Amino acid sequence: MDIPFIRLARFALDCTNSTLLAIEQMHYEFKNTRTEVFKYSTSCFRKSVRSLQPIC
């Protein structure tokens, strides 16, 4: 495997973990969580893609 793929997989795992943590926290804090979680996960993946652009 080449390094860009490994970095992409790492970013995806980080985003998944942080999104799951956010879901758990928001589950207790907010009743309507779908939009909040969606905003959080999309911003996380956008940051990952931006940071990967120079690599690819």
C-alpha atoms as a PDB file:
ATOM      1  CA  MET A   1       0.000   0.000   0.000  1.00  0.00           C
ATOM      2  CA  ASP A   2       1.163   3.492  -0.713  1.00  0.00           C
ATOM      3  CA  ILE A   3       1.368   6.207   1.915  1.00  0.00           C
ATOM      4  CA  PRO A   4      -1.532   8.412   0.654  1.00  0.00           C
ATOM      5  CA  PHE A   5      -3.947   5.500   1.034  1.00  0.00           C
ATOM      6  CA  ILE A   6      -2.755   4.800   4.574  1.00  0.00           C
ATOM      7  CA  ARG A   7      -3.130   8.466   5.502  1.00  0.00           C
ATOM      8  CA  LEU A   8      -6.610   8.552   3.967  1.00  0.00           C
ATOM      9  CA  ALA A   9      -7.619   5.499   5.996  1.00  0.00           C
ATOM     10  CA  ARG A  10      -6.226   7.086   9.154  1.00  0.00           C
ATOM     11  CA  PHE A  11      -8.176  10.302   8.572  1.00  0.00           C
ATOM     12  CA  ALA A  12     -11.347   8.330   7.932  1.00  0.00           C
ATOM     13  CA  LEU A  13     -10.907   6.424  11.198  1.00  0.00           C
ATOM     14  CA  ASP A  14     -10.250   9.629  13.124  1.00  0.00           C
ATOM     15  CA  CYS A  15     -13.363  11.210  11.654  1.00  0.00           C
ATOM     16  CA  THR A  16     -15.456   8.153  12.422  1.00  0.00           C
ATOM     17  CA  ASN A  17     -14.253   8.017  16.017  1.00  0.00           C
ATOM     18  CA  SER A  18     -14.746  11.727  16.641  1.00  0.00           C
ATOM     19  CA  THR A  19     -18.164  11.650  14.985  1.00  0.00           C
ATOM     20  CA  LEU A  20     -19.236   8.718  17.163  1.00  0.00           C
ATOM     21  CA  LEU A  21     -18.047  10.569  20.257  1.00  0.00           C
ATOM     22  CA  ALA A  22     -19.987  13.630  19.152  1.00  0.00           C
ATOM     23  CA  ILE A  23     -23.095  11.509  18.644  1.00  0.00           C
ATOM     24  CA  GLU A  24     -22.788  10.133  22.173  1.00  0.00           C
ATOM     25  CA  GLN A  25     -22.349  13.596  23.683  1.00  0.00           C
ATOM     26  CA  MET A  26     -25.128  15.165  21.632  1.00  0.00           C
ATOM     27  CA  HIS A  27     -27.456  12.294  22.438  1.00  0.00           C
ATOM     28  CA  TYR A  28     -27.493  13.477  26.026  1.00  0.00           C
ATOM     29  CA  GLU A  29     -27.386  17.208  25.327  1.00  0.00           C
ATOM     30  CA  PHE A  30     -29.785  17.649  22.405  1.00  0.00           C
ATOM     31  CA  LYS A  31     -33.000  15.987  21.359  1.00  0.00           C
ATOM     32  CA  ASN A  32     -32.637  16.825  17.681  1.00  0.00           C
ATOM     33  CA  THR A  33     -29.170  15.461  16.891  1.00  0.00           C
ATOM     34  CA  ARG A  34     -29.302  14.640  13.198  1.00  0.00           C
ATOM     35  CA  THR A  35     -28.481  18.099  11.853  1.00  0.00           C
ATOM     36  CA  GLU A  36     -25.778  18.723  14.470  1.00  0.00           C
ATOM     37  CA  VAL A  37     -24.053  15.397  13.798  1.00  0.00           C
ATOM     38  CA  PHE A  38     -24.333  15.904  10.041  1.00  0.00           C
ATOM     39  CA  LYS A  39     -22.715  19.349  10.295  1.00  0.00           C
ATOM     40  CA  TYR A  40     -19.945  17.972  12.499  1.00  0.00           C
ATOM     41  CA  SER A  41     -19.136  14.980  10.289  1.00  0.00           C
ATOM     42  CA  THR A  42     -19.197  16.950   7.036  1.00  0.00           C
ATOM     43  CA  SER A  43     -16.841  19.612   8.406  1.00  0.00           C
ATOM     44  CA  CYS A  44     -14.527  16.873   9.681  1.00  0.00           C
ATOM     45  CA  PHE A  45     -14.362  15.122   6.307  1.00  0.00           C
ATOM     46  CA  ARG A  46     -13.828  18.431   4.515  1.00  0.00           C
ATOM     47  CA  LYS A  47     -10.815  19.143   6.729  1.00  0.00           C
ATOM     48  CA  SER A  48      -9.465  15.659   6.006  1.00  0.00           C
ATOM     49  CA  VAL A  49      -9.832  16.091   2.259  1.00  0.00           C
ATOM     50  CA  ARG A  50      -8.166  19.510   2.380  1.00  0.00           C
ATOM     51  CA  SER A  51      -5.216  18.166   4.322  1.00  0.00           C
ATOM     52  CA  LEU A  52      -4.867  15.252   1.896  1.00  0.00           C
ATOM     53  CA  GLN A  53      -4.866  17.342  -1.282  1.00  0.00           C
ATOM     54  CA  PRO A  54      -1.125  18.135  -1.247  1.00  0.00           C
ATOM     55  CA  ILE A  55      -0.314  14.444  -0.718  1.00  0.00           C
ATOM     56  CA  CYS A  56      -2.294  13.007  -3.622  1.00  0.00           C
END
